[in-house]
Amino acid sequence: MSDDKVSNGARILLVEDSPVVSLNTEDALRDHGYFVVGPAYDMAAALDLSNREQIDAAIVDLNIRGEKCFQVLEILEKRDVPFILTSGYADWTMPEQWIERPRLQKPFEQEALLKKLEKMIRQKAG
């Protein structure tokens, strides 16, 4: 699905507190040539990785262990790192600045995630 020109070596931050979702997503990303940064299972790790790691894009669960990931999104935005939001909850309440960002409702198809990710990386490179 993804071609190597898009995915090859791109560093993707994964912020996800569900071990099952995290493992499935990591496998899909690696299978398509991405390098997974993380995963961050809690807010402290998410903030640390989003601040200090070299990343090309991110996949961020909106709710990590009961906390909204707005601080992580602020860091990513300041660093000009595109991101996809995911959530297993019906509540997508968030600041207006992120309303139009790509998002996926869990459970999501890995193919849908990969298509959105590829599109984001192409747009940033473009």
PDB file of N, CA and C in Angstrom:
ATOM      1  N   MET A   1       0.830  -1.193   0.000  1.00  0.00           N
ATOM      2  CA  MET A   1       0.000   0.000   0.000  1.00  0.00           C
ATOM      3  C   MET A   1       0.863   1.239   0.000  1.00  0.00           C
ATOM      4  N   SER A   2       1.668   1.475   1.035  1.00  0.00           N
ATOM      5  CA  SER A   2       2.568   2.617   1.083  1.00  0.00           C
ATOM      6  C   SER A   2       3.775   2.302   0.222  1.00  0.00           C
ATOM      7  N   ASP A   3       4.261   3.319  -0.490  1.00  0.00           N
ATOM      8  CA  ASP A   3       5.481   3.050  -1.235  1.00  0.00           C
ATOM      9  C   ASP A   3       6.673   3.522  -0.412  1.00  0.00           C
ATOM     10  N   ASP A   4       7.839   2.943  -0.714  1.00  0.00           N
ATOM     11  CA  ASP A   4       9.029   3.203   0.086  1.00  0.00           C
ATOM     12  C   ASP A   4       9.439   4.659   0.078  1.00  0.00           C
ATOM     13  N   LYS A   5       9.144   5.399  -0.984  1.00  0.00           N
ATOM     14  CA  LYS A   5       9.524   6.805  -1.054  1.00  0.00           C
ATOM     15  C   LYS A   5       8.837   7.608   0.048  1.00  0.00           C
ATOM     16  N   VAL A   6       7.667   7.193   0.456  1.00  0.00           N
ATOM     17  CA  VAL A   6       6.936   7.904   1.505  1.00  0.00           C
ATOM     18  C   VAL A   6       7.341   7.386   2.877  1.00  0.00           C
ATOM     19  N   SER A   7       7.316   6.088   3.063  1.00  0.00           N
ATOM     20  CA  SER A   7       7.476   5.525   4.396  1.00  0.00           C
ATOM     21  C   SER A   7       8.915   5.271   4.811  1.00  0.00           C
ATOM     22  N   ASN A   8       9.808   5.073   3.885  1.00  0.00           N
ATOM     23  CA  ASN A   8      11.151   4.616   4.202  1.00  0.00           C
ATOM     24  C   ASN A   8      11.847   5.496   5.235  1.00  0.00           C
ATOM     25  N   GLY A   9      11.973   4.948   6.421  1.00  0.00           N
ATOM     26  CA  GLY A   9      12.708   5.638   7.460  1.00  0.00           C
ATOM     27  C   GLY A   9      11.960   6.718   8.203  1.00  0.00           C
ATOM     28  N   ALA A  10      10.737   7.047   7.806  1.00  0.00           N
ATOM     29  CA  ALA A  10       9.991   8.090   8.515  1.00  0.00           C
ATOM     30  C   ALA A  10       9.788   7.650   9.958  1.00  0.00           C
ATOM     31  N   ARG A  11      10.019   8.584  10.878  1.00  0.00           N
ATOM     32  CA  ARG A  11       9.942   8.303  12.318  1.00  0.00           C
ATOM     33  C   ARG A  11       8.577   8.732  12.832  1.00  0.00           C
ATOM     34  N   ILE A  12       7.815   7.762  13.322  1.00  0.00           N
ATOM     35  CA  ILE A  12       6.437   8.012  13.752  1.00  0.00           C
ATOM     36  C   ILE A  12       6.327   7.824  15.262  1.00  0.00           C
ATOM     37  N   LEU A  13       5.948   8.895  15.946  1.00  0.00           N
ATOM     38  CA  LEU A  13       5.688   8.812  17.382  1.00  0.00           C
ATOM     39  C   LEU A  13       4.324   8.161  17.582  1.00  0.00           C
ATOM     40  N   LEU A  14       4.287   7.151  18.437  1.00  0.00           N
ATOM     41  CA  LEU A  14       3.037   6.474  18.752  1.00  0.00           C
ATOM     42  C   LEU A  14       2.714   6.710  20.226  1.00  0.00           C
ATOM     43  N   VAL A  15       1.588   7.383  20.476  1.00  0.00           N
ATOM     44  CA  VAL A  15       1.104   7.637  21.829  1.00  0.00           C
ATOM     45  C   VAL A  15      -0.192   6.844  21.976  1.00  0.00           C
ATOM     46  N   GLU A  16      -0.122   5.753  22.723  1.00  0.00           N
ATOM     47  CA  GLU A  16      -1.259   4.833  22.833  1.00  0.00           C
ATOM     48  C   GLU A  16      -1.157   4.053  24.135  1.00  0.00           C
ATOM     49  N   ASP A  17      -2.210   4.097  24.953  1.00  0.00           N
ATOM     50  CA  ASP A  17      -2.162   3.403  26.242  1.00  0.00           C
ATOM     51  C   ASP A  17      -2.730   1.987  26.217  1.00  0.00           C
ATOM     52  N   SER A  18      -3.320   1.577  25.120  1.00  0.00           N
ATOM     53  CA  SER A  18      -3.831   0.215  25.003  1.00  0.00           C
ATOM     54  C   SER A  18      -2.740  -0.681  24.408  1.00  0.00           C
ATOM     55  N   PRO A  19      -2.269  -1.682  25.168  1.00  0.00           N
ATOM     56  CA  PRO A  19      -1.221  -2.562  24.642  1.00  0.00           C
ATOM     57  C   PRO A  19      -1.612  -3.275  23.344  1.00  0.00           C
ATOM     58  N   VAL A  20      -2.862  -3.701  23.234  1.00  0.00           N
ATOM     59  CA  VAL A  20      -3.297  -4.410  22.028  1.00  0.00           C
ATOM     60  C   VAL A  20      -3.266  -3.492  20.813  1.00  0.00           C
ATOM     61  N   VAL A  21      -3.842  -2.299  20.949  1.00  0.00           N
ATOM     62  CA  VAL A  21      -3.850  -1.334  19.845  1.00  0.00           C
ATOM     63  C   VAL A  21      -2.422  -0.934  19.501  1.00  0.00           C
ATOM     64  N   SER A  22      -1.620  -0.712  20.525  1.00  0.00           N
ATOM     65  CA  SER A  22      -0.232  -0.310  20.318  1.00  0.00           C
ATOM     66  C   SER A  22       0.549  -1.365  19.532  1.00  0.00           C
ATOM     67  N   LEU A  23       0.460  -2.607  19.948  1.00  0.00           N
ATOM     68  CA  LEU A  23       1.197  -3.674  19.261  1.00  0.00           C
ATOM     69  C   LEU A  23       0.750  -3.832  17.813  1.00  0.00           C
ATOM     70  N   ASN A  24      -0.557  -3.805  17.577  1.00  0.00           N
ATOM     71  CA  ASN A  24      -1.069  -3.922  16.204  1.00  0.00           C
ATOM     72  C   ASN A  24      -0.608  -2.756  15.340  1.00  0.00           C
ATOM     73  N   THR A  25      -0.638  -1.555  15.906  1.00  0.00           N
ATOM     74  CA  THR A  25      -0.229  -0.370  15.157  1.00  0.00           C
ATOM     75  C   THR A  25       1.271  -0.399  14.881  1.00  0.00           C
ATOM     76  N   GLU A  26       2.058  -0.763  15.888  1.00  0.00           N
ATOM     77  CA  GLU A  26       3.510  -0.876  15.695  1.00  0.00           C
ATOM     78  C   GLU A  26       3.831  -1.852  14.568  1.00  0.00           C
ATOM     79  N   ASP A  27       3.197  -3.015  14.596  1.00  0.00           N
ATOM     80  CA  ASP A  27       3.441  -4.021  13.558  1.00  0.00           C
ATOM     81  C   ASP A  27       3.108  -3.477  12.172  1.00  0.00           C
ATOM     82  N   ALA A  28       1.965  -2.821  12.040  1.00  0.00           N
ATOM     83  CA  ALA A  28       1.556  -2.274  10.741  1.00  0.00           C
ATOM     84  C   ALA A  28       2.541  -1.208  10.268  1.00  0.00           C
ATOM     85  N   LEU A  29       2.960  -0.345  11.168  1.00  0.00           N
ATOM     86  CA  LEU A  29       3.912   0.706  10.792  1.00  0.00           C
ATOM     87  C   LEU A  29       5.243   0.112  10.346  1.00  0.00           C
ATOM     88  N   ARG A  30       5.753  -0.810  11.122  1.00  0.00           N
ATOM     89  CA  ARG A  30       7.043  -1.433  10.772  1.00  0.00           C
ATOM     90  C   ARG A  30       6.948  -2.212   9.459  1.00  0.00           C
ATOM     91  N   ASP A  31       5.825  -2.903   9.266  1.00  0.00           N
ATOM     92  CA  ASP A  31       5.627  -3.660   8.021  1.00  0.00           C
ATOM     93  C   ASP A  31       5.637  -2.756   6.800  1.00  0.00           C
ATOM     94  N   HIS A  32       5.341  -1.465   6.989  1.00  0.00           N
ATOM     95  CA  HIS A  32       5.304  -0.523   5.866  1.00  0.00           C
ATOM     96  C   HIS A  32       6.505   0.407   5.844  1.00  0.00           C
ATOM     97  N   GLY A  33       7.560   0.033   6.569  1.00  0.00           N
ATOM     98  CA  GLY A  33       8.820   0.750   6.469  1.00  0.00           C
ATOM     99  C   GLY A  33       8.988   1.941   7.391  1.00  0.00           C
ATOM    100  N   TYR A  34       8.070   2.138   8.321  1.00  0.00           N
ATOM    101  CA  TYR A  34       8.202   3.240   9.267  1.00  0.00           C
ATOM    102  C   TYR A  34       9.025   2.814  10.478  1.00  0.00           C
ATOM    103  N   PHE A  35       9.675   3.789  11.120  1.00  0.00           N
ATOM    104  CA  PHE A  35      10.373   3.571  12.377  1.00  0.00           C
ATOM    105  C   PHE A  35       9.472   4.085  13.493  1.00  0.00           C
ATOM    106  N   VAL A  36       9.171   3.241  14.467  1.00  0.00           N
ATOM    107  CA  VAL A  36       8.264   3.619  15.547  1.00  0.00           C
ATOM    108  C   VAL A  36       9.051   4.231  16.701  1.00  0.00           C
ATOM    109  N   VAL A  37       8.680   5.452  17.072  1.00  0.00           N
ATOM    110  CA  VAL A  37       9.233   6.113  18.245  1.00  0.00           C
ATOM    111  C   VAL A  37       8.246   5.873  19.378  1.00  0.00           C
ATOM    112  N   GLY A  38       8.723   5.257  20.445  1.00  0.00           N
ATOM    113  CA  GLY A  38       7.832   4.876  21.541  1.00  0.00           C
ATOM    114  C   GLY A  38       7.564   3.389  21.451  1.00  0.00           C
ATOM    115  N   PRO A  39       6.389   3.016  21.786  1.00  0.00           N
ATOM    116  CA  PRO A  39       5.202   3.821  22.068  1.00  0.00           C
ATOM    117  C   PRO A  39       5.238   4.425  23.471  1.00  0.00           C
ATOM    118  N   ALA A  40       4.518   5.530  23.603  1.00  0.00           N
ATOM    119  CA  ALA A  40       4.338   6.181  24.888  1.00  0.00           C
ATOM    120  C   ALA A  40       3.018   5.678  25.463  1.00  0.00           C
ATOM    121  N   TYR A  41       3.087   5.023  26.614  1.00  0.00           N
ATOM    122  CA  TYR A  41       1.893   4.454  27.245  1.00  0.00           C
ATOM    123  C   TYR A  41       1.269   5.383  28.286  1.00  0.00           C
ATOM    124  N   ASP A  42       1.993   6.457  28.643  1.00  0.00           N
ATOM    125  CA  ASP A  42       1.459   7.400  29.624  1.00  0.00           C
ATOM    126  C   ASP A  42       1.862   8.828  29.233  1.00  0.00           C
ATOM    127  N   MET A  43       1.298   9.802  29.929  1.00  0.00           N
ATOM    128  CA  MET A  43       1.515  11.194  29.565  1.00  0.00           C
ATOM    129  C   MET A  43       2.971  11.623  29.740  1.00  0.00           C
ATOM    130  N   ALA A  44       3.639  11.155  30.797  1.00  0.00           N
ATOM    131  CA  ALA A  44       5.036  11.538  31.014  1.00  0.00           C
ATOM    132  C   ALA A  44       5.912  11.101  29.830  1.00  0.00           C
ATOM    133  N   ALA A  45       5.741   9.875  29.391  1.00  0.00           N
ATOM    134  CA  ALA A  45       6.517   9.380  28.248  1.00  0.00           C
ATOM    135  C   ALA A  45       6.137  10.120  26.969  1.00  0.00           C
ATOM    136  N   ALA A  46       4.857  10.404  26.791  1.00  0.00           N
ATOM    137  CA  ALA A  46       4.400  11.122  25.593  1.00  0.00           C
ATOM    138  C   ALA A  46       5.015  12.515  25.526  1.00  0.00           C
ATOM    139  N   LEU A  47       5.026  13.211  26.644  1.00  0.00           N
ATOM    140  CA  LEU A  47       5.613  14.555  26.686  1.00  0.00           C
ATOM    141  C   LEU A  47       7.116  14.498  26.441  1.00  0.00           C
ATOM    142  N   ASP A  48       7.780  13.538  27.059  1.00  0.00           N
ATOM    143  CA  ASP A  48       9.224  13.393  26.886  1.00  0.00           C
ATOM    144  C   ASP A  48       9.578  13.102  25.430  1.00  0.00           C
ATOM    145  N   LEU A  49       8.948  12.101  24.844  1.00  0.00           N
ATOM    146  CA  LEU A  49       9.261  11.727  23.462  1.00  0.00           C
ATOM    147  C   LEU A  49       8.904  12.832  22.473  1.00  0.00           C
ATOM    148  N   SER A  50       7.763  13.487  22.676  1.00  0.00           N
ATOM    149  CA  SER A  50       7.353  14.541  21.734  1.00  0.00           C
ATOM    150  C   SER A  50       8.279  15.747  21.815  1.00  0.00           C
ATOM    151  N   ASN A  51       8.915  15.952  22.959  1.00  0.00           N
ATOM    152  CA  ASN A  51       9.854  17.061  23.137  1.00  0.00           C
ATOM    153  C   ASN A  51      11.244  16.786  22.584  1.00  0.00           C
ATOM    154  N   ARG A  52      11.757  15.567  22.794  1.00  0.00           N
ATOM    155  CA  ARG A  52      13.178  15.352  22.533  1.00  0.00           C
ATOM    156  C   ARG A  52      13.508  14.476  21.331  1.00  0.00           C
ATOM    157  N   GLU A  53      12.570  13.682  20.852  1.00  0.00           N
ATOM    158  CA  GLU A  53      12.880  12.767  19.751  1.00  0.00           C
ATOM    159  C   GLU A  53      12.712  13.436  18.385  1.00  0.00           C
ATOM    160  N   GLN A  54      13.497  12.956  17.438  1.00  0.00           N
ATOM    161  CA  GLN A  54      13.303  13.358  16.046  1.00  0.00           C
ATOM    162  C   GLN A  54      12.099  12.560  15.541  1.00  0.00           C
ATOM    163  N   ILE A  55      11.051  13.268  15.095  1.00  0.00           N
ATOM    164  CA  ILE A  55       9.855  12.597  14.595  1.00  0.00           C
ATOM    165  C   ILE A  55       9.336  13.314  13.360  1.00  0.00           C
ATOM    166  N   ASP A  56       8.810  12.518  12.440  1.00  0.00           N
ATOM    167  CA  ASP A  56       8.274  13.056  11.194  1.00  0.00           C
ATOM    168  C   ASP A  56       6.761  13.203  11.229  1.00  0.00           C
ATOM    169  N   ALA A  57       6.106  12.399  12.065  1.00  0.00           N
ATOM    170  CA  ALA A  57       4.652  12.439  12.215  1.00  0.00           C
ATOM    171  C   ALA A  57       4.318  11.699  13.507  1.00  0.00           C
ATOM    172  N   ALA A  58       3.054  11.829  13.930  1.00  0.00           N
ATOM    173  CA  ALA A  58       2.647  11.174  15.171  1.00  0.00           C
ATOM    174  C   ALA A  58       1.230  10.640  15.063  1.00  0.00           C
ATOM    175  N   ILE A  59       0.993   9.594  15.827  1.00  0.00           N
ATOM    176  CA  ILE A  59      -0.339   9.017  16.004  1.00  0.00           C
ATOM    177  C   ILE A  59      -0.607   9.133  17.498  1.00  0.00           C
ATOM    178  N   VAL A  60      -1.616   9.921  17.855  1.00  0.00           N
ATOM    179  CA  VAL A  60      -1.834  10.258  19.259  1.00  0.00           C
ATOM    180  C   VAL A  60      -3.249   9.887  19.689  1.00  0.00           C
ATOM    181  N   ASP A  61      -3.336   9.018  20.684  1.00  0.00           N
ATOM    182  CA  ASP A  61      -4.618   8.709  21.315  1.00  0.00           C
ATOM    183  C   ASP A  61      -5.026   9.947  22.102  1.00  0.00           C
ATOM    184  N   LEU A  62      -6.219  10.437  21.877  1.00  0.00           N
ATOM    185  CA  LEU A  62      -6.687  11.665  22.514  1.00  0.00           C
ATOM    186  C   LEU A  62      -6.747  11.550  24.037  1.00  0.00           C
ATOM    187  N   ASN A  63      -7.038  10.346  24.540  1.00  0.00           N
ATOM    188  CA  ASN A  63      -7.147  10.116  25.983  1.00  0.00           C
ATOM    189  C   ASN A  63      -6.125   9.075  26.419  1.00  0.00           C
ATOM    190  N   ILE A  64      -5.172   9.520  27.236  1.00  0.00           N
ATOM    191  CA  ILE A  64      -4.163   8.598  27.758  1.00  0.00           C
ATOM    192  C   ILE A  64      -4.363   8.469  29.261  1.00  0.00           C
ATOM    193  N   ARG A  65      -4.795   7.290  29.668  1.00  0.00           N
ATOM    194  CA  ARG A  65      -5.000   7.008  31.090  1.00  0.00           C
ATOM    195  C   ARG A  65      -5.806   8.102  31.789  1.00  0.00           C
ATOM    196  N   GLY A  66      -6.891   8.521  31.122  1.00  0.00           N
ATOM    197  CA  GLY A  66      -7.800   9.494  31.712  1.00  0.00           C
ATOM    198  C   GLY A  66      -7.436  10.954  31.492  1.00  0.00           C
ATOM    199  N   GLU A  67      -6.312  11.211  30.836  1.00  0.00           N
ATOM    200  CA  GLU A  67      -5.901  12.593  30.555  1.00  0.00           C
ATOM    201  C   GLU A  67      -5.985  12.875  29.066  1.00  0.00           C
ATOM    202  N   LYS A  68      -6.455  14.070  28.723  1.00  0.00           N
ATOM    203  CA  LYS A  68      -6.439  14.496  27.315  1.00  0.00           C
ATOM    204  C   LYS A  68      -5.002  14.863  26.942  1.00  0.00           C
ATOM    205  N   CYS A  69      -4.609  14.590  25.726  1.00  0.00           N
ATOM    206  CA  CYS A  69      -3.227  14.778  25.258  1.00  0.00           C
ATOM    207  C   CYS A  69      -2.954  16.169  24.684  1.00  0.00           C
ATOM    208  N   PHE A  70      -3.649  17.174  25.149  1.00  0.00           N
ATOM    209  CA  PHE A  70      -3.502  18.508  24.562  1.00  0.00           C
ATOM    210  C   PHE A  70      -2.080  19.052  24.674  1.00  0.00           C
ATOM    211  N   GLN A  71      -1.379  18.770  25.770  1.00  0.00           N
ATOM    212  CA  GLN A  71       0.000  19.251  25.909  1.00  0.00           C
ATOM    213  C   GLN A  71       0.905  18.638  24.838  1.00  0.00           C
ATOM    214  N   VAL A  72       0.687  17.376  24.545  1.00  0.00           N
ATOM    215  CA  VAL A  72       1.463  16.699  23.507  1.00  0.00           C
ATOM    216  C   VAL A  72       1.173  17.342  22.152  1.00  0.00           C
ATOM    217  N   LEU A  73      -0.100  17.612  21.877  1.00  0.00           N
ATOM    218  CA  LEU A  73      -0.479  18.231  20.602  1.00  0.00           C
ATOM    219  C   LEU A  73       0.143  19.618  20.465  1.00  0.00           C
ATOM    220  N   GLU A  74       0.217  20.365  21.545  1.00  0.00           N
ATOM    221  CA  GLU A  74       0.842  21.686  21.510  1.00  0.00           C
ATOM    222  C   GLU A  74       2.319  21.577  21.137  1.00  0.00           C
ATOM    223  N   ILE A  75       3.003  20.614  21.725  1.00  0.00           N
ATOM    224  CA  ILE A  75       4.422  20.407  21.405  1.00  0.00           C
ATOM    225  C   ILE A  75       4.590  20.034  19.937  1.00  0.00           C
ATOM    226  N   LEU A  76       3.770  19.093  19.476  1.00  0.00           N
ATOM    227  CA  LEU A  76       3.858  18.675  18.082  1.00  0.00           C
ATOM    228  C   LEU A  76       3.586  19.833  17.139  1.00  0.00           C
ATOM    229  N   GLU A  77       2.593  20.639  17.465  1.00  0.00           N
ATOM    230  CA  GLU A  77       2.261  21.787  16.615  1.00  0.00           C
ATOM    231  C   GLU A  77       3.420  22.778  16.569  1.00  0.00           C
ATOM    232  N   LYS A  78       4.031  23.072  17.718  1.00  0.00           N
ATOM    233  CA  LYS A  78       5.179  23.988  17.759  1.00  0.00           C
ATOM    234  C   LYS A  78       6.346  23.462  16.950  1.00  0.00           C
ATOM    235  N   ARG A  79       6.492  22.142  16.912  1.00  0.00           N
ATOM    236  CA  ARG A  79       7.591  21.519  16.165  1.00  0.00           C
ATOM    237  C   ARG A  79       7.221  21.272  14.699  1.00  0.00           C
ATOM    238  N   ASP A  80       6.006  21.641  14.307  1.00  0.00           N
ATOM    239  CA  ASP A  80       5.516  21.436  12.943  1.00  0.00           C
ATOM    240  C   ASP A  80       5.505  19.949  12.562  1.00  0.00           C
ATOM    241  N   VAL A  81       5.070  19.132  13.512  1.00  0.00           N
ATOM    242  CA  VAL A  81       4.956  17.688  13.286  1.00  0.00           C
ATOM    243  C   VAL A  81       3.482  17.363  13.065  1.00  0.00           C
ATOM    244  N   PRO A  82       3.130  16.830  11.892  1.00  0.00           N
ATOM    245  CA  PRO A  82       1.728  16.471  11.655  1.00  0.00           C
ATOM    246  C   PRO A  82       1.325  15.269  12.502  1.00  0.00           C
ATOM    247  N   PHE A  83       0.034  15.206  12.851  1.00  0.00           N
ATOM    248  CA  PHE A  83      -0.424  14.104  13.687  1.00  0.00           C
ATOM    249  C   PHE A  83      -1.830  13.671  13.324  1.00  0.00           C
ATOM    250  N   ILE A  84      -2.105  12.407  13.650  1.00  0.00           N
ATOM    251  CA  ILE A  84      -3.433  11.802  13.530  1.00  0.00           C
ATOM    252  C   ILE A  84      -3.919  11.557  14.950  1.00  0.00           C
ATOM    253  N   LEU A  85      -5.147  11.949  15.225  1.00  0.00           N
ATOM    254  CA  LEU A  85      -5.760  11.693  16.526  1.00  0.00           C
ATOM    255  C   LEU A  85      -6.573  10.406  16.461  1.00  0.00           C
ATOM    256  N   THR A  86      -6.518   9.624  17.529  1.00  0.00           N
ATOM    257  CA  THR A  86      -7.348   8.431  17.631  1.00  0.00           C
ATOM    258  C   THR A  86      -8.092   8.478  18.961  1.00  0.00           C
ATOM    259  N   SER A  87      -9.222   7.801  19.006  1.00  0.00           N
ATOM    260  CA  SER A  87      -9.963   7.713  20.258  1.00  0.00           C
ATOM    261  C   SER A  87     -10.942   6.558  20.202  1.00  0.00           C
ATOM    262  N   GLY A  88     -11.121   5.937  21.356  1.00  0.00           N
ATOM    263  CA  GLY A  88     -12.124   4.898  21.496  1.00  0.00           C
ATOM    264  C   GLY A  88     -13.394   5.427  22.134  1.00  0.00           C
ATOM    265  N   TYR A  89     -13.382   6.717  22.465  1.00  0.00           N
ATOM    266  CA  TYR A  89     -14.530   7.354  23.104  1.00  0.00           C
ATOM    267  C   TYR A  89     -15.325   8.165  22.095  1.00  0.00           C
ATOM    268  N   ALA A  90     -16.602   8.337  22.355  1.00  0.00           N
ATOM    269  CA  ALA A  90     -17.446   9.150  21.477  1.00  0.00           C
ATOM    270  C   ALA A  90     -17.153  10.640  21.645  1.00  0.00           C
ATOM    271  N   ASP A  91     -16.582  11.018  22.777  1.00  0.00           N
ATOM    272  CA  ASP A  91     -16.312  12.425  23.069  1.00  0.00           C
ATOM    273  C   ASP A  91     -15.024  12.891  22.388  1.00  0.00           C
ATOM    274  N   TRP A  92     -15.186  13.711  21.353  1.00  0.00           N
ATOM    275  CA  TRP A  92     -14.056  14.277  20.636  1.00  0.00           C
ATOM    276  C   TRP A  92     -13.864  15.744  21.021  1.00  0.00           C
ATOM    277  N   THR A  93     -14.312  16.137  22.202  1.00  0.00           N
ATOM    278  CA  THR A  93     -14.196  17.515  22.638  1.00  0.00           C
ATOM    279  C   THR A  93     -12.725  17.903  22.739  1.00  0.00           C
ATOM    280  N   MET A  94     -12.376  18.993  22.052  1.00  0.00           N
ATOM    281  CA  MET A  94     -10.991  19.467  22.061  1.00  0.00           C
ATOM    282  C   MET A  94     -10.966  20.920  21.614  1.00  0.00           C
ATOM    283  N   PRO A  95      -9.848  21.601  21.853  1.00  0.00           N
ATOM    284  CA  PRO A  95      -9.732  22.974  21.375  1.00  0.00           C
ATOM    285  C   PRO A  95      -9.949  23.049  19.864  1.00  0.00           C
ATOM    286  N   GLU A  96     -10.548  24.126  19.439  1.00  0.00           N
ATOM    287  CA  GLU A  96     -10.921  24.293  18.038  1.00  0.00           C
ATOM    288  C   GLU A  96      -9.748  24.159  17.077  1.00  0.00           C
ATOM    289  N   GLN A  97      -8.554  24.522  17.518  1.00  0.00           N
ATOM    290  CA  GLN A  97      -7.391  24.472  16.630  1.00  0.00           C
ATOM    291  C   GLN A  97      -7.092  23.069  16.107  1.00  0.00           C
ATOM    292  N   TRP A  98      -7.606  22.038  16.783  1.00  0.00           N
ATOM    293  CA  TRP A  98      -7.331  20.670  16.349  1.00  0.00           C
ATOM    294  C   TRP A  98      -8.558  19.940  15.803  1.00  0.00           C
ATOM    295  N   ILE A  99      -9.675  20.613  15.721  1.00  0.00           N
ATOM    296  CA  ILE A  99     -10.919  19.984  15.262  1.00  0.00           C
ATOM    297  C   ILE A  99     -10.776  19.383  13.863  1.00  0.00           C
ATOM    298  N   GLU A 100     -10.066  20.070  12.989  1.00  0.00           N
ATOM    299  CA  GLU A 100      -9.959  19.626  11.593  1.00  0.00           C
ATOM    300  C   GLU A 100      -8.809  18.654  11.345  1.00  0.00           C
ATOM    301  N   ARG A 101      -8.073  18.291  12.368  1.00  0.00           N
ATOM    302  CA  ARG A 101      -6.950  17.365  12.186  1.00  0.00           C
ATOM    303  C   ARG A 101      -7.470  15.971  11.843  1.00  0.00           C
ATOM    304  N   PRO A 102      -6.659  15.198  11.112  1.00  0.00           N
ATOM    305  CA  PRO A 102      -7.076  13.827  10.786  1.00  0.00           C
ATOM    306  C   PRO A 102      -7.333  13.035  12.062  1.00  0.00           C
ATOM    307  N   ARG A 103      -8.387  12.214  12.018  1.00  0.00           N
ATOM    308  CA  ARG A 103      -8.722  11.415  13.190  1.00  0.00           C
ATOM    309  C   ARG A 103      -9.306  10.073  12.771  1.00  0.00           C
ATOM    310  N   LEU A 104      -9.178   9.131  13.692  1.00  0.00           N
ATOM    311  CA  LEU A 104      -9.731   7.797  13.492  1.00  0.00           C
ATOM    312  C   LEU A 104     -10.393   7.341  14.783  1.00  0.00           C
ATOM    313  N   GLN A 105     -11.586   6.803  14.639  1.00  0.00           N
ATOM    314  CA  GLN A 105     -12.315   6.237  15.776  1.00  0.00           C
ATOM    315  C   GLN A 105     -11.856   4.790  15.968  1.00  0.00           C
ATOM    316  N   LYS A 106     -11.489   4.431  17.192  1.00  0.00           N
ATOM    317  CA  LYS A 106     -11.104   3.046  17.482  1.00  0.00           C
ATOM    318  C   LYS A 106     -12.353   2.203  17.681  1.00  0.00           C
ATOM    319  N   PRO A 107     -12.325   0.965  17.265  1.00  0.00           N
ATOM    320  CA  PRO A 107     -11.225   0.327  16.554  1.00  0.00           C
ATOM    321  C   PRO A 107     -11.194   0.775  15.097  1.00  0.00           C
ATOM    322  N   PHE A 108     -10.006   1.013  14.586  1.00  0.00           N
ATOM    323  CA  PHE A 108      -9.857   1.450  13.201  1.00  0.00           C
ATOM    324  C   PHE A 108      -9.108   0.386  12.407  1.00  0.00           C
ATOM    325  N   GLU A 109      -9.299   0.438  11.115  1.00  0.00           N
ATOM    326  CA  GLU A 109      -8.582  -0.460  10.210  1.00  0.00           C
ATOM    327  C   GLU A 109      -7.166   0.067  10.019  1.00  0.00           C
ATOM    328  N   GLN A 110      -6.185  -0.803  10.081  1.00  0.00           N
ATOM    329  CA  GLN A 110      -4.791  -0.377   9.905  1.00  0.00           C
ATOM    330  C   GLN A 110      -4.589   0.273   8.533  1.00  0.00           C
ATOM    331  N   GLU A 111      -5.295  -0.221   7.537  1.00  0.00           N
ATOM    332  CA  GLU A 111      -5.189   0.337   6.181  1.00  0.00           C
ATOM    333  C   GLU A 111      -5.616   1.809   6.168  1.00  0.00           C
ATOM    334  N   ALA A 112      -6.664   2.140   6.903  1.00  0.00           N
ATOM    335  CA  ALA A 112      -7.128   3.536   6.983  1.00  0.00           C
ATOM    336  C   ALA A 112      -6.073   4.408   7.657  1.00  0.00           C
ATOM    337  N   LEU A 113      -5.473   3.894   8.709  1.00  0.00           N
ATOM    338  CA  LEU A 113      -4.414   4.625   9.399  1.00  0.00           C
ATOM    339  C   LEU A 113      -3.235   4.879   8.466  1.00  0.00           C
ATOM    340  N   LEU A 114      -2.803   3.852   7.771  1.00  0.00           N
ATOM    341  CA  LEU A 114      -1.652   3.978   6.879  1.00  0.00           C
ATOM    342  C   LEU A 114      -1.914   4.959   5.744  1.00  0.00           C
ATOM    343  N   LYS A 115      -3.130   4.969   5.217  1.00  0.00           N
ATOM    344  CA  LYS A 115      -3.475   5.922   4.149  1.00  0.00           C
ATOM    345  C   LYS A 115      -3.412   7.351   4.656  1.00  0.00           C
ATOM    346  N   LYS A 116      -3.973   7.601   5.841  1.00  0.00           N
ATOM    347  CA  LYS A 116      -3.932   8.949   6.419  1.00  0.00           C
ATOM    348  C   LYS A 116      -2.490   9.370   6.708  1.00  0.00           C
ATOM    349  N   LEU A 117      -1.708   8.460   7.224  1.00  0.00           N
ATOM    350  CA  LEU A 117      -0.321   8.757   7.547  1.00  0.00           C
ATOM    351  C   LEU A 117       0.471   9.083   6.291  1.00  0.00           C
ATOM    352  N   GLU A 118       0.312   8.287   5.268  1.00  0.00           N
ATOM    353  CA  GLU A 118       1.004   8.518   4.013  1.00  0.00           C
ATOM    354  C   GLU A 118       0.627   9.878   3.431  1.00  0.00           C
ATOM    355  N   LYS A 119      -0.646  10.219   3.475  1.00  0.00           N
ATOM    356  CA  LYS A 119      -1.114  11.504   2.960  1.00  0.00           C
ATOM    357  C   LYS A 119      -0.472  12.660   3.734  1.00  0.00           C
ATOM    358  N   MET A 120      -0.421  12.542   5.051  1.00  0.00           N
ATOM    359  CA  MET A 120       0.193  13.596   5.876  1.00  0.00           C
ATOM    360  C   MET A 120       1.666  13.792   5.539  1.00  0.00           C
ATOM    361  N   ILE A 121       2.386  12.692   5.404  1.00  0.00           N
ATOM    362  CA  ILE A 121       3.816  12.772   5.126  1.00  0.00           C
ATOM    363  C   ILE A 121       4.055  13.361   3.742  1.00  0.00           C
ATOM    364  N   ARG A 122       3.248  12.969   2.769  1.00  0.00           N
ATOM    365  CA  ARG A 122       3.355  13.549   1.424  1.00  0.00           C
ATOM    366  C   ARG A 122       3.109  15.065   1.449  1.00  0.00           C
ATOM    367  N   GLN A 123       2.078  15.475   2.180  1.00  0.00           N
ATOM    368  CA  GLN A 123       1.745  16.895   2.248  1.00  0.00           C
ATOM    369  C   GLN A 123       2.867  17.695   2.895  1.00  0.00           C
ATOM    370  N   LYS A 124       3.457  17.144   3.942  1.00  0.00           N
ATOM    371  CA  LYS A 124       4.537  17.858   4.620  1.00  0.00           C
ATOM    372  C   LYS A 124       5.762  17.959   3.724  1.00  0.00           C
ATOM    373  N   ALA A 125       6.051  16.894   2.983  1.00  0.00           N
ATOM    374  CA  ALA A 125       7.207  16.888   2.089  1.00  0.00           C
ATOM    375  C   ALA A 125       7.001  17.769   0.867  1.00  0.00           C
ATOM    376  N   GLY A 126       5.708  17.937   0.524  1.00  0.00           N
ATOM    377  CA  GLY A 126       5.301  18.535  -0.703  1.00  0.00           C
ATOM    378  C   GLY A 126       5.541  19.880  -1.069  1.00  0.00           C
TER     379      GLY A 126
END
